[in-house]
PDB file of all heavy atoms in Angstrom:
ATOM      1  N   TYR A   1     114.975  37.494 111.380  1.00  0.00           N
ATOM      2  CA  TYR A   1     115.247  36.993 110.046  1.00  0.00           C
ATOM      3  C   TYR A   1     113.998  36.471 109.371  1.00  0.00           C
ATOM      4  O   TYR A   1     113.103  35.922 110.022  1.00  0.00           O
ATOM      5  CB  TYR A   1     116.272  35.851 110.095  1.00  0.00           C
ATOM      6  CG  TYR A   1     117.594  36.246 110.691  1.00  0.00           C
ATOM      7  CD1 TYR A   1     117.835  36.120 112.054  1.00  0.00           C
ATOM      8  CD2 TYR A   1     118.612  36.750 109.886  1.00  0.00           C
ATOM      9  CE1 TYR A   1     119.052  36.485 112.603  1.00  0.00           C
ATOM     10  CE2 TYR A   1     119.825  37.116 110.422  1.00  0.00           C
ATOM     11  CZ  TYR A   1     120.042  36.982 111.782  1.00  0.00           C
ATOM     12  OH  TYR A   1     121.256  37.345 112.322  1.00  0.00           O
ATOM     13  N   ALA A   2     113.957  36.629 108.060  1.00  0.00           N
ATOM     14  CA  ALA A   2     112.928  35.961 107.280  1.00  0.00           C
ATOM     15  C   ALA A   2     113.117  34.454 107.381  1.00  0.00           C
ATOM     16  O   ALA A   2     114.244  33.959 107.495  1.00  0.00           O
ATOM     17  CB  ALA A   2     112.998  36.411 105.821  1.00  0.00           C
ATOM     18  N   ASP A   3     112.008  33.716 107.337  1.00  0.00           N
ATOM     19  CA  ASP A   3     112.090  32.257 107.449  1.00  0.00           C
ATOM     20  C   ASP A   3     112.989  31.649 106.369  1.00  0.00           C
ATOM     21  O   ASP A   3     113.658  30.643 106.605  1.00  0.00           O
ATOM     22  CB  ASP A   3     110.697  31.645 107.362  1.00  0.00           C
ATOM     23  CG  ASP A   3     109.864  31.897 108.599  1.00  0.00           C
ATOM     24  OD1 ASP A   3     110.438  32.226 109.658  1.00  0.00           O
ATOM     25  OD2 ASP A   3     108.628  31.767 108.508  1.00  0.00           O
ATOM     26  N   SER A   4     113.014  32.264 105.206  1.00  0.00           N
ATOM     27  CA  SER A   4     113.762  31.718 104.088  1.00  0.00           C
ATOM     28  C   SER A   4     115.271  31.743 104.295  1.00  0.00           C
ATOM     29  O   SER A   4     116.000  30.997 103.634  1.00  0.00           O
ATOM     30  CB  SER A   4     113.410  32.466 102.800  1.00  0.00           C
ATOM     31  OG  SER A   4     113.707  33.845 102.921  1.00  0.00           O
ATOM     32  N   VAL A   5     115.753  32.596 105.205  1.00  0.00           N
ATOM     33  CA  VAL A   5     117.192  32.717 105.422  1.00  0.00           C
ATOM     34  C   VAL A   5     117.612  32.342 106.835  1.00  0.00           C
ATOM     35  O   VAL A   5     118.815  32.301 107.122  1.00  0.00           O
ATOM     36  CB  VAL A   5     117.688  34.137 105.102  1.00  0.00           C
ATOM     37  CG1 VAL A   5     117.263  34.548 103.697  1.00  0.00           C
ATOM     38  CG2 VAL A   5     117.189  35.139 106.130  1.00  0.00           C
ATOM     39  N   LYS A   6     116.667  32.064 107.703  1.00  0.00           N
ATOM     40  CA  LYS A   6     116.971  31.757 109.095  1.00  0.00           C
ATOM     41  C   LYS A   6     117.891  30.546 109.192  1.00  0.00           C
ATOM     42  O   LYS A   6     117.662  29.520 108.562  1.00  0.00           O
ATOM     43  CB  LYS A   6     115.676  31.519 109.864  1.00  0.00           C
ATOM     44  CG  LYS A   6     115.828  31.490 111.368  1.00  0.00           C
ATOM     45  CD  LYS A   6     114.456  31.423 112.045  1.00  0.00           C
ATOM     46  CE  LYS A   6     113.615  32.646 111.711  1.00  0.00           C
ATOM     47  NZ  LYS A   6     112.291  32.619 112.392  1.00  0.00           N
ATOM     48  N   GLY A   7     118.939  30.690 109.982  1.00  0.00           N
ATOM     49  CA  GLY A   7     119.914  29.625 110.137  1.00  0.00           C
ATOM     50  C   GLY A   7     121.038  29.663 109.137  1.00  0.00           C
ATOM     51  O   GLY A   7     122.045  28.960 109.314  1.00  0.00           O
ATOM     52  N   ARG A   8     120.896  30.469 108.086  1.00  0.00           N
ATOM     53  CA  ARG A   8     121.927  30.580 107.064  1.00  0.00           C
ATOM     54  C   ARG A   8     122.578  31.959 107.039  1.00  0.00           C
ATOM     55  O   ARG A   8     123.767  32.073 106.748  1.00  0.00           O
ATOM     56  CB  ARG A   8     121.344  30.281 105.673  1.00  0.00           C
ATOM     57  CG  ARG A   8     120.769  28.878 105.547  1.00  0.00           C
ATOM     58  CD  ARG A   8     120.374  28.578 104.100  1.00  0.00           C
ATOM     59  NE  ARG A   8     119.317  29.475 103.621  1.00  0.00           N
ATOM     60  CZ  ARG A   8     119.440  30.295 102.576  1.00  0.00           C
ATOM     61  NH1 ARG A   8     120.572  30.330 101.883  1.00  0.00           N
ATOM     62  NH2 ARG A   8     118.419  31.062 102.207  1.00  0.00           N
ATOM     63  N   PHE A   9     121.797  33.006 107.317  1.00  0.00           N
ATOM     64  CA  PHE A   9     122.291  34.378 107.263  1.00  0.00           C
ATOM     65  C   PHE A   9     122.435  34.926 108.675  1.00  0.00           C
ATOM     66  O   PHE A   9     121.661  34.581 109.578  1.00  0.00           O
ATOM     67  CB  PHE A   9     121.328  35.287 106.498  1.00  0.00           C
ATOM     68  CG  PHE A   9     121.242  35.027 105.013  1.00  0.00           C
ATOM     69  CD1 PHE A   9     121.812  33.905 104.434  1.00  0.00           C
ATOM     70  CD2 PHE A   9     120.575  35.930 104.205  1.00  0.00           C
ATOM     71  CE1 PHE A   9     121.723  33.674 103.068  1.00  0.00           C
ATOM     72  CE2 PHE A   9     120.482  35.716 102.836  1.00  0.00           C
ATOM     73  CZ  PHE A   9     121.049  34.597 102.266  1.00  0.00           C
ATOM     74  N   THR A  10     123.402  35.814 108.859  1.00  0.00           N
ATOM     75  CA  THR A  10     123.606  36.489 110.130  1.00  0.00           C
ATOM     76  C   THR A  10     123.815  37.973 109.890  1.00  0.00           C
ATOM     77  O   THR A  10     124.701  38.361 109.129  1.00  0.00           O
ATOM     78  CB  THR A  10     124.813  35.922 110.887  1.00  0.00           C
ATOM     79  OG1 THR A  10     124.643  34.518 111.105  1.00  0.00           O
ATOM     80  CG2 THR A  10     124.961  36.614 112.243  1.00  0.00           C
ATOM     81  N   ILE A  11     123.005  38.791 110.546  1.00  0.00           N
ATOM     82  CA  ILE A  11     123.162  40.235 110.469  1.00  0.00           C
ATOM     83  C   ILE A  11     123.941  40.709 111.693  1.00  0.00           C
ATOM     84  O   ILE A  11     123.754  40.196 112.801  1.00  0.00           O
ATOM     85  CB  ILE A  11     121.797  40.946 110.363  1.00  0.00           C
ATOM     86  CG1 ILE A  11     121.978  42.440 110.096  1.00  0.00           C
ATOM     87  CG2 ILE A  11     120.942  40.704 111.597  1.00  0.00           C
ATOM     88  CD1 ILE A  11     120.675  43.157 109.758  1.00  0.00           C
ATOM     89  N   SER A  12     124.819  41.668 111.497  1.00  0.00           N
ATOM     90  CA  SER A  12     125.591  42.224 112.593  1.00  0.00           C
ATOM     91  C   SER A  12     125.897  43.682 112.290  1.00  0.00           C
ATOM     92  O   SER A  12     125.666  44.156 111.181  1.00  0.00           O
ATOM     93  CB  SER A  12     126.887  41.434 112.819  1.00  0.00           C
ATOM     94  OG  SER A  12     127.714  41.477 111.671  1.00  0.00           O
ATOM     95  N   ARG A  13     126.408  44.390 113.285  1.00  0.00           N
ATOM     96  CA  ARG A  13     126.737  45.791 113.068  1.00  0.00           C
ATOM     97  C   ARG A  13     127.918  46.198 113.920  1.00  0.00           C
ATOM     98  O   ARG A  13     128.176  45.628 114.983  1.00  0.00           O
ATOM     99  CB  ARG A  13     125.525  46.688 113.359  1.00  0.00           C
ATOM    100  CG  ARG A  13     125.080  46.721 114.807  1.00  0.00           C
ATOM    101  CD  ARG A  13     123.728  47.428 114.935  1.00  0.00           C
ATOM    102  NE  ARG A  13     123.780  48.795 114.428  1.00  0.00           N
ATOM    103  CZ  ARG A  13     122.715  49.525 114.117  1.00  0.00           C
ATOM    104  NH1 ARG A  13     121.495  49.020 114.256  1.00  0.00           N
ATOM    105  NH2 ARG A  13     122.867  50.767 113.663  1.00  0.00           N
ATOM    106  N   ASP A  14     128.623  47.200 113.451  1.00  0.00           N
ATOM    107  CA  ASP A  14     129.726  47.812 114.167  1.00  0.00           C
ATOM    108  C   ASP A  14     129.455  49.303 114.161  1.00  0.00           C
ATOM    109  O   ASP A  14     129.772  50.005 113.199  1.00  0.00           O
ATOM    110  CB  ASP A  14     131.057  47.484 113.498  1.00  0.00           C
ATOM    111  CG  ASP A  14     132.249  47.992 114.291  1.00  0.00           C
ATOM    112  OD1 ASP A  14     132.081  48.869 115.158  1.00  0.00           O
ATOM    113  OD2 ASP A  14     133.364  47.505 114.034  1.00  0.00           O
ATOM    114  N   ASN A  15     128.836  49.782 115.232  1.00  0.00           N
ATOM    115  CA  ASN A  15     128.421  51.182 115.272  1.00  0.00           C
ATOM    116  C   ASN A  15     129.603  52.141 115.258  1.00  0.00           C
ATOM    117  O   ASN A  15     129.490  53.257 114.748  1.00  0.00           O
ATOM    118  CB  ASN A  15     127.543  51.434 116.503  1.00  0.00           C
ATOM    119  CG  ASN A  15     126.159  50.841 116.362  1.00  0.00           C
ATOM    120  OD1 ASN A  15     125.689  50.600 115.250  1.00  0.00           O
ATOM    121  ND2 ASN A  15     125.498  50.604 117.476  1.00  0.00           N
ATOM    122  N   ALA A  16     130.729  51.729 115.815  1.00  0.00           N
ATOM    123  CA  ALA A  16     131.909  52.581 115.803  1.00  0.00           C
ATOM    124  C   ALA A  16     132.394  52.841 114.383  1.00  0.00           C
ATOM    125  O   ALA A  16     133.000  53.879 114.119  1.00  0.00           O
ATOM    126  CB  ALA A  16     133.021  51.962 116.637  1.00  0.00           C
ATOM    127  N   ARG A  17     132.140  51.903 113.490  1.00  0.00           N
ATOM    128  CA  ARG A  17     132.541  52.051 112.098  1.00  0.00           C
ATOM    129  C   ARG A  17     131.379  52.416 111.182  1.00  0.00           C
ATOM    130  O   ARG A  17     131.561  52.497 109.964  1.00  0.00           O
ATOM    131  CB  ARG A  17     133.208  50.768 111.602  1.00  0.00           C
ATOM    132  CG  ARG A  17     134.556  50.495 112.243  1.00  0.00           C
ATOM    133  CD  ARG A  17     135.149  49.180 111.773  1.00  0.00           C
ATOM    134  NE  ARG A  17     136.547  49.056 112.155  1.00  0.00           N
ATOM    135  CZ  ARG A  17     136.959  48.681 113.360  1.00  0.00           C
ATOM    136  NH1 ARG A  17     136.085  48.393 114.315  1.00  0.00           N
ATOM    137  NH2 ARG A  17     138.256  48.597 113.617  1.00  0.00           N
ATOM    138  N   ASN A  18     130.189  52.617 111.754  1.00  0.00           N
ATOM    139  CA  ASN A  18     129.012  52.970 110.965  1.00  0.00           C
ATOM    140  C   ASN A  18     128.770  51.961 109.844  1.00  0.00           C
ATOM    141  O   ASN A  18     128.490  52.328 108.699  1.00  0.00           O
ATOM    142  CB  ASN A  18     129.145  54.380 110.375  1.00  0.00           C
ATOM    143  CG  ASN A  18     128.268  55.390 111.065  1.00  0.00           C
ATOM    144  OD1 ASN A  18     127.667  55.122 112.107  1.00  0.00           O
ATOM    145  ND2 ASN A  18     128.178  56.584 110.479  1.00  0.00           N
ATOM    146  N   THR A  19     128.860  50.687 110.188  1.00  0.00           N
ATOM    147  CA  THR A  19     128.768  49.629 109.196  1.00  0.00           C
ATOM    148  C   THR A  19     127.864  48.505 109.685  1.00  0.00           C
ATOM    149  O   THR A  19     127.897  48.134 110.858  1.00  0.00           O
ATOM    150  CB  THR A  19     130.157  49.065 108.864  1.00  0.00           C
ATOM    151  OG1 THR A  19     131.008  50.130 108.414  1.00  0.00           O
ATOM    152  CG2 THR A  19     130.068  48.017 107.767  1.00  0.00           C
ATOM    153  N   VAL A  20     127.058  47.974 108.766  1.00  0.00           N
ATOM    154  CA  VAL A  20     126.201  46.822 109.010  1.00  0.00           C
ATOM    155  C   VAL A  20     126.619  45.715 108.048  1.00  0.00           C
ATOM    156  O   VAL A  20     126.961  45.982 106.894  1.00  0.00           O
ATOM    157  CB  VAL A  20     124.716  47.176 108.817  1.00  0.00           C
ATOM    158  CG1 VAL A  20     123.834  45.972 109.114  1.00  0.00           C
ATOM    159  CG2 VAL A  20     124.330  48.342 109.721  1.00  0.00           C
ATOM    160  N   TYR A  21     126.566  44.482 108.518  1.00  0.00           N
ATOM    161  CA  TYR A  21     127.018  43.343 107.732  1.00  0.00           C
ATOM    162  C   TYR A  21     125.901  42.317 107.573  1.00  0.00           C
ATOM    163  O   TYR A  21     124.997  42.212 108.397  1.00  0.00           O
ATOM    164  CB  TYR A  21     128.211  42.658 108.394  1.00  0.00           C
ATOM    165  CG  TYR A  21     129.370  43.572 108.676  1.00  0.00           C
ATOM    166  CD1 TYR A  21     129.520  44.165 109.921  1.00  0.00           C
ATOM    167  CD2 TYR A  21     130.313  43.845 107.692  1.00  0.00           C
ATOM    168  CE1 TYR A  21     130.586  45.011 110.188  1.00  0.00           C
ATOM    169  CE2 TYR A  21     131.373  44.689 107.949  1.00  0.00           C
ATOM    170  CZ  TYR A  21     131.505  45.269 109.198  1.00  0.00           C
ATOM    171  OH  TYR A  21     132.565  46.107 109.446  1.00  0.00           O
ATOM    172  N   LEU A  22     125.997  41.554 106.513  1.00  0.00           N
ATOM    173  CA  LEU A  22     125.138  40.396 106.321  1.00  0.00           C
ATOM    174  C   LEU A  22     126.014  39.239 105.865  1.00  0.00           C
ATOM    175  O   LEU A  22     126.485  39.225 104.728  1.00  0.00           O
ATOM    176  CB  LEU A  22     124.036  40.668 105.294  1.00  0.00           C
ATOM    177  CG  LEU A  22     123.005  39.548 105.127  1.00  0.00           C
ATOM    178  CD1 LEU A  22     122.149  39.418 106.390  1.00  0.00           C
ATOM    179  CD2 LEU A  22     122.120  39.791 103.911  1.00  0.00           C
ATOM    180  N   GLN A  23     126.244  38.303 106.766  1.00  0.00           N
ATOM    181  CA  GLN A  23     126.984  37.093 106.435  1.00  0.00           C
ATOM    182  C   GLN A  23     126.007  36.068 105.885  1.00  0.00           C
ATOM    183  O   GLN A  23     125.052  35.692 106.560  1.00  0.00           O
ATOM    184  CB  GLN A  23     127.691  36.539 107.669  1.00  0.00           C
ATOM    185  CG  GLN A  23     128.455  35.244 107.426  1.00  0.00           C
ATOM    186  CD  GLN A  23     129.638  35.425 106.510  1.00  0.00           C
ATOM    187  OE1 GLN A  23     130.414  36.361 106.680  1.00  0.00           O
ATOM    188  NE2 GLN A  23     129.778  34.537 105.528  1.00  0.00           N
ATOM    189  N   MET A  24     126.239  35.610 104.663  1.00  0.00           N
ATOM    190  CA  MET A  24     125.344  34.693 103.982  1.00  0.00           C
ATOM    191  C   MET A  24     126.078  33.381 103.737  1.00  0.00           C
ATOM    192  O   MET A  24     127.053  33.345 102.986  1.00  0.00           O
ATOM    193  CB  MET A  24     124.854  35.288 102.664  1.00  0.00           C
ATOM    194  CG  MET A  24     124.209  36.660 102.818  1.00  0.00           C
ATOM    195  SD  MET A  24     123.502  37.279 101.272  1.00  0.00           S
ATOM    196  CE  MET A  24     125.007  37.459 100.306  1.00  0.00           C
ATOM    197  N   ASN A  25     125.607  32.320 104.363  1.00  0.00           N
ATOM    198  CA  ASN A  25     126.186  30.995 104.217  1.00  0.00           C
ATOM    199  C   ASN A  25     125.185  30.058 103.559  1.00  0.00           C
ATOM    200  O   ASN A  25     123.991  30.326 103.528  1.00  0.00           O
ATOM    201  CB  ASN A  25     126.603  30.441 105.577  1.00  0.00           C
ATOM    202  CG  ASN A  25     127.653  31.264 106.269  1.00  0.00           C
ATOM    203  OD1 ASN A  25     128.519  31.849 105.629  1.00  0.00           O
ATOM    204  ND2 ASN A  25     127.595  31.300 107.593  1.00  0.00           N
ATOM    205  N   SER A  26     125.685  28.942 103.068  1.00  0.00           N
ATOM    206  CA  SER A  26     124.841  27.924 102.434  1.00  0.00           C
ATOM    207  C   SER A  26     123.910  28.540 101.400  1.00  0.00           C
ATOM    208  O   SER A  26     122.706  28.272 101.377  1.00  0.00           O
ATOM    209  CB  SER A  26     124.041  27.164 103.496  1.00  0.00           C
ATOM    210  OG  SER A  26     124.896  26.545 104.436  1.00  0.00           O
ATOM    211  N   LEU A  27     124.466  29.353 100.541  1.00  0.00           N
ATOM    212  CA  LEU A  27     123.660  30.093  99.578  1.00  0.00           C
ATOM    213  C   LEU A  27     122.982  29.164  98.580  1.00  0.00           C
ATOM    214  O   LEU A  27     123.538  28.145  98.183  1.00  0.00           O
ATOM    215  CB  LEU A  27     124.522  31.110  98.843  1.00  0.00           C
ATOM    216  CG  LEU A  27     124.837  32.372  99.656  1.00  0.00           C
ATOM    217  CD1 LEU A  27     126.016  33.118  99.064  1.00  0.00           C
ATOM    218  CD2 LEU A  27     123.602  33.268  99.716  1.00  0.00           C
ATOM    219  N   LYS A  28     121.772  29.554  98.202  1.00  0.00           N
ATOM    220  CA  LYS A  28     120.954  28.812  97.258  1.00  0.00           C
ATOM    221  C   LYS A  28     120.671  29.679  96.038  1.00  0.00           C
ATOM    222  O   LYS A  28     120.684  30.904  96.128  1.00  0.00           O
ATOM    223  CB  LYS A  28     119.625  28.415  97.910  1.00  0.00           C
ATOM    224  CG  LYS A  28     119.756  27.638  99.209  1.00  0.00           C
ATOM    225  CD  LYS A  28     118.395  27.415  99.843  1.00  0.00           C
ATOM    226  CE  LYS A  28     118.511  26.644 101.143  1.00  0.00           C
ATOM    227  NZ  LYS A  28     117.185  26.444 101.773  1.00  0.00           N
ATOM    228  N   PRO A  29     120.387  29.061  94.890  1.00  0.00           N
ATOM    229  CA  PRO A  29     120.052  29.864  93.704  1.00  0.00           C
ATOM    230  C   PRO A  29     118.903  30.840  93.941  1.00  0.00           C
ATOM    231  O   PRO A  29     118.912  31.936  93.369  1.00  0.00           O
ATOM    232  CB  PRO A  29     119.684  28.808  92.659  1.00  0.00           C
ATOM    233  CG  PRO A  29     120.490  27.620  93.053  1.00  0.00           C
ATOM    234  CD  PRO A  29     120.499  27.631  94.564  1.00  0.00           C
ATOM    235  N   GLU A  30     117.944  30.484  94.774  1.00  0.00           N
ATOM    236  CA  GLU A  30     116.828  31.372  95.052  1.00  0.00           C
ATOM    237  C   GLU A  30     117.208  32.590  95.887  1.00  0.00           C
ATOM    238  O   GLU A  30     116.389  33.490  96.086  1.00  0.00           O
ATOM    239  CB  GLU A  30     115.670  30.619  95.729  1.00  0.00           C
ATOM    240  CG  GLU A  30     116.086  29.820  96.947  1.00  0.00           C
ATOM    241  CD  GLU A  30     116.318  28.351  96.627  1.00  0.00           C
ATOM    242  OE1 GLU A  30     116.947  28.058  95.598  1.00  0.00           O
ATOM    243  OE2 GLU A  30     115.853  27.499  97.422  1.00  0.00           O
ATOM    244  N   ASP A  31     118.440  32.639  96.383  1.00  0.00           N
ATOM    245  CA  ASP A  31     118.937  33.827  97.058  1.00  0.00           C
ATOM    246  C   ASP A  31     119.397  34.900  96.080  1.00  0.00           C
ATOM    247  O   ASP A  31     119.727  36.011  96.499  1.00  0.00           O
ATOM    248  CB  ASP A  31     120.095  33.481  97.990  1.00  0.00           C
ATOM    249  CG  ASP A  31     119.682  32.583  99.143  1.00  0.00           C
ATOM    250  OD1 ASP A  31     118.592  32.799  99.709  1.00  0.00           O
ATOM    251  OD2 ASP A  31     120.457  31.666  99.478  1.00  0.00           O
ATOM    252  N   THR A  32     119.446  34.575  94.799  1.00  0.00           N
ATOM    253  CA  THR A  32     119.885  35.528  93.790  1.00  0.00           C
ATOM    254  C   THR A  32     118.969  36.743  93.770  1.00  0.00           C
ATOM    255  O   THR A  32     117.756  36.619  93.608  1.00  0.00           O
ATOM    256  CB  THR A  32     119.916  34.866  92.410  1.00  0.00           C
ATOM    257  OG1 THR A  32     120.899  33.827  92.397  1.00  0.00           O
ATOM    258  CG2 THR A  32     120.258  35.879  91.328  1.00  0.00           C
ATOM    259  N   ALA A  33     119.545  37.924  93.937  1.00  0.00           N
ATOM    260  CA  ALA A  33     118.774  39.158  93.998  1.00  0.00           C
ATOM    261  C   ALA A  33     119.731  40.327  94.168  1.00  0.00           C
ATOM    262  O   ALA A  33     120.926  40.138  94.411  1.00  0.00           O
ATOM    263  CB  ALA A  33     117.785  39.130  95.169  1.00  0.00           C
ATOM    264  N   VAL A  34     119.193  41.525  94.052  1.00  0.00           N
ATOM    265  CA  VAL A  34     119.901  42.719  94.476  1.00  0.00           C
ATOM    266  C   VAL A  34     119.592  42.922  95.952  1.00  0.00           C
ATOM    267  O   VAL A  34     118.426  42.937  96.349  1.00  0.00           O
ATOM    268  CB  VAL A  34     119.494  43.959  93.661  1.00  0.00           C
ATOM    269  CG1 VAL A  34     120.196  45.202  94.196  1.00  0.00           C
ATOM    270  CG2 VAL A  34     119.823  43.749  92.190  1.00  0.00           C
ATOM    271  N   TYR A  35     120.626  43.089  96.751  1.00  0.00           N
ATOM    272  CA  TYR A  35     120.474  43.243  98.191  1.00  0.00           C
ATOM    273  C   TYR A  35     120.669  44.697  98.589  1.00  0.00           C
ATOM    274  O   TYR A  35     121.635  45.344  98.175  1.00  0.00           O
ATOM    275  CB  TYR A  35     121.474  42.352  98.931  1.00  0.00           C
ATOM    276  CG  TYR A  35     121.060  40.904  98.954  1.00  0.00           C
ATOM    277  CD1 TYR A  35     121.108  40.142  97.797  1.00  0.00           C
ATOM    278  CD2 TYR A  35     120.599  40.302 100.125  1.00  0.00           C
ATOM    279  CE1 TYR A  35     120.707  38.814  97.801  1.00  0.00           C
ATOM    280  CE2 TYR A  35     120.203  38.977 100.139  1.00  0.00           C
ATOM    281  CZ  TYR A  35     120.256  38.237  98.976  1.00  0.00           C
ATOM    282  OH  TYR A  35     119.857  36.921  98.988  1.00  0.00           O
ATOM    283  N   TYR A  36     119.749  45.207  99.395  1.00  0.00           N
ATOM    284  CA  TYR A  36     119.758  46.590  99.843  1.00  0.00           C
ATOM    285  C   TYR A  36     119.827  46.657 101.364  1.00  0.00           C
ATOM    286  O   TYR A  36     119.166  45.873 102.053  1.00  0.00           O
ATOM    287  CB  TYR A  36     118.480  47.315  99.410  1.00  0.00           C
ATOM    288  CG  TYR A  36     118.231  47.347  97.925  1.00  0.00           C
ATOM    289  CD1 TYR A  36     117.521  46.337  97.299  1.00  0.00           C
ATOM    290  CD2 TYR A  36     118.692  48.408  97.152  1.00  0.00           C
ATOM    291  CE1 TYR A  36     117.280  46.373  95.933  1.00  0.00           C
ATOM    292  CE2 TYR A  36     118.452  48.455  95.793  1.00  0.00           C
ATOM    293  CZ  TYR A  36     117.742  47.428  95.187  1.00  0.00           C
ATOM    294  OH  TYR A  36     117.499  47.479  93.837  1.00  0.00           O
ATOM    295  N   CYS A  37     120.589  47.599 101.881  1.00  0.00           N
ATOM    296  CA  CYS A  37     120.507  47.908 103.296  1.00  0.00           C
ATOM    297  C   CYS A  37     119.732  49.201 103.472  1.00  0.00           C
ATOM    298  O   CYS A  37     119.646  50.023 102.560  1.00  0.00           O
ATOM    299  CB  CYS A  37     121.891  48.002 103.949  1.00  0.00           C
ATOM    300  SG  CYS A  37     122.892  49.415 103.443  1.00  0.00           S
ATOM    301  N   ALA A  38     119.145  49.375 104.654  1.00  0.00           N
ATOM    302  CA  ALA A  38     118.302  50.531 104.906  1.00  0.00           C
ATOM    303  C   ALA A  38     118.269  50.845 106.394  1.00  0.00           C
ATOM    304  O   ALA A  38     118.480  49.971 107.236  1.00  0.00           O
ATOM    305  CB  ALA A  38     116.879  50.282 104.396  1.00  0.00           C
ATOM    306  N   ARG A  39     117.985  52.104 106.709  1.00  0.00           N
ATOM    307  CA  ARG A  39     117.892  52.575 108.084  1.00  0.00           C
ATOM    308  C   ARG A  39     116.446  52.720 108.494  1.00  0.00           C
ATOM    309  O   ARG A  39     115.653  53.337 107.777  1.00  0.00           O
ATOM    310  CB  ARG A  39     118.610  53.921 108.230  1.00  0.00           C
ATOM    311  CG  ARG A  39     118.738  54.383 109.665  1.00  0.00           C
ATOM    312  CD  ARG A  39     119.317  55.785 109.758  1.00  0.00           C
ATOM    313  NE  ARG A  39     118.322  56.805 109.449  1.00  0.00           N
ATOM    314  CZ  ARG A  39     118.478  58.103 109.688  1.00  0.00           C
ATOM    315  NH1 ARG A  39     119.610  58.537 110.227  1.00  0.00           N
ATOM    316  NH2 ARG A  39     117.521  58.963 109.371  1.00  0.00           N
TER     317      ARG A  39
END
């Protein structure tokens, strides 16, 4: 994780469903952005 999100965000994946997740907690205004996933 980037230092800016460590402890607040959690990345996970379910390969059987071909899906990746990003759980974002304790969100801050500086988290405002377009979020992209990539392989």
